[in-house]
PDB file of N, CA and C in Angstrom:
ATOM      1  N   MET A   1     117.523  74.621  81.085  1.00  0.00           N
ATOM      2  CA  MET A   1     118.427  75.865  81.030  1.00  0.00           C
ATOM      3  C   MET A   1     118.061  76.585  79.576  1.00  0.00           C
ATOM      4  N   ALA A   2     117.631  77.941  79.901  1.00  0.00           N
ATOM      5  CA  ALA A   2     117.603  78.886  78.827  1.00  0.00           C
ATOM      6  C   ALA A   2     118.682  79.365  77.955  1.00  0.00           C
ATOM      7  N   LEU A   3     118.692  79.658  76.747  1.00  0.00           N
ATOM      8  CA  LEU A   3     119.644  80.165  75.844  1.00  0.00           C
ATOM      9  C   LEU A   3     119.521  81.655  76.206  1.00  0.00           C
ATOM     10  N   THR A   4     120.861  82.125  76.392  1.00  0.00           N
ATOM     11  CA  THR A   4     121.045  83.451  76.633  1.00  0.00           C
ATOM     12  C   THR A   4     121.411  84.307  75.454  1.00  0.00           C
ATOM     13  N   TYR A   5     121.360  85.469  75.425  1.00  0.00           N
ATOM     14  CA  TYR A   5     121.746  86.126  74.066  1.00  0.00           C
ATOM     15  C   TYR A   5     123.127  86.140  73.809  1.00  0.00           C
ATOM     16  N   ARG A   6     124.025  85.996  74.841  1.00  0.00           N
ATOM     17  CA  ARG A   6     125.482  85.618  74.563  1.00  0.00           C
ATOM     18  C   ARG A   6     125.701  84.274  73.841  1.00  0.00           C
ATOM     19  N   GLU A   7     124.801  83.405  74.304  1.00  0.00           N
ATOM     20  CA  GLU A   7     124.923  81.983  73.824  1.00  0.00           C
ATOM     21  C   GLU A   7     124.594  82.023  72.362  1.00  0.00           C
ATOM     22  N   LEU A   8     123.436  82.893  72.298  1.00  0.00           N
ATOM     23  CA  LEU A   8     123.173  83.023  70.887  1.00  0.00           C
ATOM     24  C   LEU A   8     124.011  83.547  69.925  1.00  0.00           C
ATOM     25  N   ILE A   9     124.424  84.650  70.300  1.00  0.00           N
ATOM     26  CA  ILE A   9     125.605  85.288  69.560  1.00  0.00           C
ATOM     27  C   ILE A   9     126.648  84.243  68.904  1.00  0.00           C
ATOM     28  N   GLU A  10     127.086  83.368  70.175  1.00  0.00           N
ATOM     29  CA  GLU A  10     128.251  82.619  69.704  1.00  0.00           C
ATOM     30  C   GLU A  10     127.536  81.504  68.714  1.00  0.00           C
ATOM     31  N   ASN A  11     126.502  81.209  68.975  1.00  0.00           N
ATOM     32  CA  ASN A  11     125.979  80.182  68.080  1.00  0.00           C
ATOM     33  C   ASN A  11     125.800  80.740  66.310  1.00  0.00           C
ATOM     34  N   LEU A  12     125.282  82.125  66.417  1.00  0.00           N
ATOM     35  CA  LEU A  12     125.392  82.687  65.190  1.00  0.00           C
ATOM     36  C   LEU A  12     126.549  82.962  64.275  1.00  0.00           C
ATOM     37  N   LYS A  13     127.622  83.205  65.319  1.00  0.00           N
ATOM     38  CA  LYS A  13     128.966  83.243  64.668  1.00  0.00           C
ATOM     39  C   LYS A  13     129.604  81.969  64.289  1.00  0.00           C
ATOM     40  N   SER A  14     128.934  80.971  64.439  1.00  0.00           N
ATOM     41  CA  SER A  14     129.268  79.723  63.883  1.00  0.00           C
ATOM     42  C   SER A  14     128.931  79.115  62.662  1.00  0.00           C
ATOM     43  N   LEU A  15     127.864  79.985  62.306  1.00  0.00           N
ATOM     44  CA  LEU A  15     126.931  79.921  61.124  1.00  0.00           C
ATOM     45  C   LEU A  15     128.141  80.202  59.823  1.00  0.00           C
ATOM     46  N   PRO A  16     127.706  79.411  58.702  1.00  0.00           N
ATOM     47  CA  PRO A  16     128.458  79.766  57.372  1.00  0.00           C
ATOM     48  C   PRO A  16     128.119  80.918  57.204  1.00  0.00           C
ATOM     49  N   ASP A  17     128.697  81.999  56.610  1.00  0.00           N
ATOM     50  CA  ASP A  17     128.238  83.238  56.084  1.00  0.00           C
ATOM     51  C   ASP A  17     127.171  83.409  55.201  1.00  0.00           C
ATOM     52  N   GLU A  18     126.933  82.364  54.426  1.00  0.00           N
ATOM     53  CA  GLU A  18     125.696  82.532  53.465  1.00  0.00           C
ATOM     54  C   GLU A  18     124.447  82.081  54.117  1.00  0.00           C
ATOM     55  N   ARG A  19     124.499  81.600  55.446  1.00  0.00           N
ATOM     56  CA  ARG A  19     123.061  81.232  56.029  1.00  0.00           C
ATOM     57  C   ARG A  19     122.809  82.395  57.202  1.00  0.00           C
ATOM     58  N   LEU A  20     123.559  83.587  57.076  1.00  0.00           N
ATOM     59  CA  LEU A  20     123.269  84.726  58.029  1.00  0.00           C
ATOM     60  C   LEU A  20     122.124  85.490  57.084  1.00  0.00           C
ATOM     61  N   ASP A  21     121.921  85.179  55.714  1.00  0.00           N
ATOM     62  CA  ASP A  21     120.927  85.953  55.042  1.00  0.00           C
ATOM     63  C   ASP A  21     119.900  85.019  54.895  1.00  0.00           C
ATOM     64  N   ASP A  22     119.618  83.843  55.644  1.00  0.00           N
ATOM     65  CA  ASP A  22     118.367  83.451  55.861  1.00  0.00           C
ATOM     66  C   ASP A  22     117.405  84.019  56.694  1.00  0.00           C
ATOM     67  N   ASN A  23     116.217  83.940  56.468  1.00  0.00           N
ATOM     68  CA  ASN A  23     115.189  84.291  57.428  1.00  0.00           C
ATOM     69  C   ASN A  23     115.210  83.846  58.752  1.00  0.00           C
ATOM     70  N   VAL A  24     115.092  84.331  59.943  1.00  0.00           N
ATOM     71  CA  VAL A  24     115.178  83.978  61.132  1.00  0.00           C
ATOM     72  C   VAL A  24     113.594  83.220  61.357  1.00  0.00           C
ATOM     73  N   THR A  25     114.059  81.733  61.842  1.00  0.00           N
ATOM     74  CA  THR A  25     112.576  80.940  62.007  1.00  0.00           C
ATOM     75  C   THR A  25     112.768  80.167  63.290  1.00  0.00           C
ATOM     76  N   ILE A  26     111.701  80.132  63.886  1.00  0.00           N
ATOM     77  CA  ILE A  26     111.559  79.592  65.114  1.00  0.00           C
ATOM     78  C   ILE A  26     110.702  78.093  65.087  1.00  0.00           C
ATOM     79  N   PHE A  27     111.022  77.288  65.822  1.00  0.00           N
ATOM     80  CA  PHE A  27     110.555  75.623  65.706  1.00  0.00           C
ATOM     81  C   PHE A  27     109.833  75.711  66.963  1.00  0.00           C
ATOM     82  N   VAL A  28     108.642  75.403  67.173  1.00  0.00           N
ATOM     83  CA  VAL A  28     107.754  75.142  68.421  1.00  0.00           C
ATOM     84  C   VAL A  28     107.751  73.783  68.445  1.00  0.00           C
ATOM     85  N   SER A  29     108.298  73.257  69.444  1.00  0.00           N
ATOM     86  CA  SER A  29     108.311  71.703  69.501  1.00  0.00           C
ATOM     87  C   SER A  29     106.715  71.206  69.854  1.00  0.00           C
ATOM     88  N   GLY A  30     106.168  72.021  70.777  1.00  0.00           N
ATOM     89  CA  GLY A  30     104.925  71.560  71.173  1.00  0.00           C
ATOM     90  C   GLY A  30     103.971  71.320  69.970  1.00  0.00           C
ATOM     91  N   THR A  31     103.787  72.440  69.277  1.00  0.00           N
ATOM     92  CA  THR A  31     102.957  72.140  67.867  1.00  0.00           C
ATOM     93  C   THR A  31     103.836  71.335  66.484  1.00  0.00           C
ATOM     94  N   ALA A  32     105.171  71.324  66.788  1.00  0.00           N
ATOM     95  CA  ALA A  32     105.813  70.742  65.627  1.00  0.00           C
ATOM     96  C   ALA A  32     105.893  71.624  64.424  1.00  0.00           C
ATOM     97  N   GLU A  33     105.837  72.664  64.596  1.00  0.00           N
ATOM     98  CA  GLU A  33     105.762  73.634  63.527  1.00  0.00           C
ATOM     99  C   GLU A  33     106.703  74.965  63.373  1.00  0.00           C
ATOM    100  N   PHE A  34     107.112  75.463  62.146  1.00  0.00           N
ATOM    101  CA  PHE A  34     108.002  76.455  62.153  1.00  0.00           C
ATOM    102  C   PHE A  34     107.285  77.987  62.062  1.00  0.00           C
ATOM    103  N   TYR A  35     107.942  78.881  62.513  1.00  0.00           N
ATOM    104  CA  TYR A  35     107.188  80.255  62.381  1.00  0.00           C
ATOM    105  C   TYR A  35     108.372  81.069  62.101  1.00  0.00           C
ATOM    106  N   PRO A  36     108.008  82.130  61.260  1.00  0.00           N
ATOM    107  CA  PRO A  36     108.872  83.210  61.055  1.00  0.00           C
ATOM    108  C   PRO A  36     108.673  84.223  62.092  1.00  0.00           C
ATOM    109  N   LEU A  37     109.876  85.042  62.247  1.00  0.00           N
ATOM    110  CA  LEU A  37     109.576  86.233  63.158  1.00  0.00           C
ATOM    111  C   LEU A  37     108.721  87.387  62.336  1.00  0.00           C
ATOM    112  N   VAL A  38     107.852  88.242  63.154  1.00  0.00           N
ATOM    113  CA  VAL A  38     106.967  89.123  62.729  1.00  0.00           C
ATOM    114  C   VAL A  38     107.831  90.241  61.926  1.00  0.00           C
ATOM    115  N   GLU A  39     107.497  90.417  60.720  1.00  0.00           N
ATOM    116  CA  GLU A  39     108.512  91.214  59.636  1.00  0.00           C
ATOM    117  C   GLU A  39     108.726  92.700  60.349  1.00  0.00           C
ATOM    118  N   ASP A  40     107.642  93.361  61.024  1.00  0.00           N
ATOM    119  CA  ASP A  40     107.774  94.709  61.357  1.00  0.00           C
ATOM    120  C   ASP A  40     108.367  94.975  62.581  1.00  0.00           C
ATOM    121  N   TYR A  41     108.299  93.803  63.556  1.00  0.00           N
ATOM    122  CA  TYR A  41     108.873  94.175  64.742  1.00  0.00           C
ATOM    123  C   TYR A  41     109.490  92.809  65.304  1.00  0.00           C
ATOM    124  N   PRO A  42     110.590  92.353  64.615  1.00  0.00           N
ATOM    125  CA  PRO A  42     111.264  91.145  64.933  1.00  0.00           C
ATOM    126  C   PRO A  42     111.980  91.230  66.083  1.00  0.00           C
ATOM    127  N   PHE A  43     112.410  92.331  66.567  1.00  0.00           N
ATOM    128  CA  PHE A  43     113.167  92.368  67.875  1.00  0.00           C
ATOM    129  C   PHE A  43     112.445  93.728  68.611  1.00  0.00           C
ATOM    130  N   VAL A  44     112.357  93.497  69.751  1.00  0.00           N
ATOM    131  CA  VAL A  44     111.682  94.483  70.561  1.00  0.00           C
ATOM    132  C   VAL A  44     112.386  94.708  72.046  1.00  0.00           C
ATOM    133  N   VAL A  45     112.424  95.739  72.563  1.00  0.00           N
ATOM    134  CA  VAL A  45     113.188  95.874  73.821  1.00  0.00           C
ATOM    135  C   VAL A  45     112.065  96.480  74.769  1.00  0.00           C
ATOM    136  N   THR A  46     111.832  95.622  75.891  1.00  0.00           N
ATOM    137  CA  THR A  46     110.677  96.239  76.742  1.00  0.00           C
ATOM    138  C   THR A  46     110.989  97.517  77.271  1.00  0.00           C
ATOM    139  N   ASP A  47     109.765  98.468  77.381  1.00  0.00           N
ATOM    140  CA  ASP A  47     109.791  99.618  77.966  1.00  0.00           C
ATOM    141  C   ASP A  47     108.577  99.830  78.657  1.00  0.00           C
ATOM    142  N   SER A  48     108.547 100.170  79.974  1.00  0.00           N
ATOM    143  CA  SER A  48     107.325 100.354  80.974  1.00  0.00           C
ATOM    144  C   SER A  48     106.534 101.682  80.448  1.00  0.00           C
ATOM    145  N   GLU A  49     107.319 102.632  80.029  1.00  0.00           N
ATOM    146  CA  GLU A  49     106.749 103.811  79.703  1.00  0.00           C
ATOM    147  C   GLU A  49     106.016 103.870  78.355  1.00  0.00           C
ATOM    148  N   ILE A  50     106.305 102.706  77.309  1.00  0.00           N
ATOM    149  CA  ILE A  50     105.742 102.740  76.069  1.00  0.00           C
ATOM    150  C   ILE A  50     105.068 101.438  76.165  1.00  0.00           C
ATOM    151  N   GLN A  51     103.788 101.240  76.479  1.00  0.00           N
ATOM    152  CA  GLN A  51     103.068 100.162  76.382  1.00  0.00           C
ATOM    153  C   GLN A  51     102.203 100.001  75.362  1.00  0.00           C
ATOM    154  N   ASN A  52     102.271  98.918  74.552  1.00  0.00           N
ATOM    155  CA  ASN A  52     101.621  98.830  73.086  1.00  0.00           C
ATOM    156  C   ASN A  52     101.400  97.422  72.897  1.00  0.00           C
ATOM    157  N   GLU A  53     100.952  96.816  71.776  1.00  0.00           N
ATOM    158  CA  GLU A  53     100.387  95.614  71.759  1.00  0.00           C
ATOM    159  C   GLU A  53     101.576  94.402  71.570  1.00  0.00           C
ATOM    160  N   PHE A  54     102.913  95.149  71.491  1.00  0.00           N
ATOM    161  CA  PHE A  54     103.829  94.262  71.464  1.00  0.00           C
ATOM    162  C   PHE A  54     104.759  94.374  72.809  1.00  0.00           C
ATOM    163  N   THR A  55     104.114  94.887  73.778  1.00  0.00           N
ATOM    164  CA  THR A  55     105.110  95.124  75.021  1.00  0.00           C
ATOM    165  C   THR A  55     104.213  94.071  76.074  1.00  0.00           C
ATOM    166  N   PRO A  56     104.929  93.143  76.736  1.00  0.00           N
ATOM    167  CA  PRO A  56     104.479  92.174  77.668  1.00  0.00           C
ATOM    168  C   PRO A  56     103.816  93.169  78.678  1.00  0.00           C
ATOM    169  N   GLY A  57     102.770  92.452  79.704  1.00  0.00           N
ATOM    170  CA  GLY A  57     102.280  92.902  80.670  1.00  0.00           C
ATOM    171  C   GLY A  57     103.412  93.264  81.774  1.00  0.00           C
ATOM    172  N   SER A  58     102.999  94.265  82.592  1.00  0.00           N
ATOM    173  CA  SER A  58     103.982  94.484  83.429  1.00  0.00           C
ATOM    174  C   SER A  58     104.407  93.364  84.315  1.00  0.00           C
ATOM    175  N   GLY A  59     105.592  93.405  85.028  1.00  0.00           N
ATOM    176  CA  GLY A  59     106.125  92.347  85.844  1.00  0.00           C
ATOM    177  C   GLY A  59     106.386  91.082  85.010  1.00  0.00           C
ATOM    178  N   VAL A  60     106.130  90.852  83.650  1.00  0.00           N
ATOM    179  CA  VAL A  60     106.579  89.774  82.941  1.00  0.00           C
ATOM    180  C   VAL A  60     108.015  89.635  82.763  1.00  0.00           C
ATOM    181  N   LEU A  61     108.665  90.831  82.183  1.00  0.00           N
ATOM    182  CA  LEU A  61     109.772  91.290  81.841  1.00  0.00           C
ATOM    183  C   LEU A  61     110.278  92.474  82.558  1.00  0.00           C
ATOM    184  N   ASP A  62     111.880  92.757  82.888  1.00  0.00           N
ATOM    185  CA  ASP A  62     112.165  93.878  83.231  1.00  0.00           C
ATOM    186  C   ASP A  62     112.391  94.659  82.102  1.00  0.00           C
ATOM    187  N   ASP A  63     112.409  96.264  82.299  1.00  0.00           N
ATOM    188  CA  ASP A  63     112.797  97.275  81.490  1.00  0.00           C
ATOM    189  C   ASP A  63     113.822  96.791  80.620  1.00  0.00           C
ATOM    190  N   GLY A  64     114.016  96.990  79.398  1.00  0.00           N
ATOM    191  CA  GLY A  64     115.207  96.880  78.488  1.00  0.00           C
ATOM    192  C   GLY A  64     115.353  95.564  78.199  1.00  0.00           C
ATOM    193  N   HIS A  65     114.765  94.515  78.538  1.00  0.00           N
ATOM    194  CA  HIS A  65     114.687  93.067  78.245  1.00  0.00           C
ATOM    195  C   HIS A  65     114.306  92.850  76.797  1.00  0.00           C
ATOM    196  N   PRO A  66     115.269  92.657  75.997  1.00  0.00           N
ATOM    197  CA  PRO A  66     114.952  92.083  74.514  1.00  0.00           C
ATOM    198  C   PRO A  66     114.032  91.036  74.524  1.00  0.00           C
ATOM    199  N   TYR A  67     113.461  90.984  73.402  1.00  0.00           N
ATOM    200  CA  TYR A  67     112.389  89.813  73.018  1.00  0.00           C
ATOM    201  C   TYR A  67     112.285  89.529  71.734  1.00  0.00           C
ATOM    202  N   LEU A  68     111.892  88.409  70.992  1.00  0.00           N
ATOM    203  CA  LEU A  68     111.496  88.230  69.563  1.00  0.00           C
ATOM    204  C   LEU A  68     110.147  88.030  69.485  1.00  0.00           C
ATOM    205  N   VAL A  69     109.254  88.609  68.226  1.00  0.00           N
ATOM    206  CA  VAL A  69     108.022  88.452  68.215  1.00  0.00           C
ATOM    207  C   VAL A  69     107.665  87.547  67.151  1.00  0.00           C
ATOM    208  N   ILE A  70     106.821  86.305  67.461  1.00  0.00           N
ATOM    209  CA  ILE A  70     106.497  85.314  66.246  1.00  0.00           C
ATOM    210  C   ILE A  70     105.051  85.466  65.887  1.00  0.00           C
TER     211      ILE A  70
END
């Protein structure tokens, strides 16, 4: 089952306040490595009218779907 943004918010709310200043880090289990989010575009929302290098190909995500870039 995939984590929803609602569930993510609840998980973030449970963190101690001082942890909220940490860099967002992703662990990729297939490579057993940690990755930071891309600094310039860490949180993006899809928009079919604005296609750029950070927008997934058509049909992958619905317009308005948020995603994180690593």
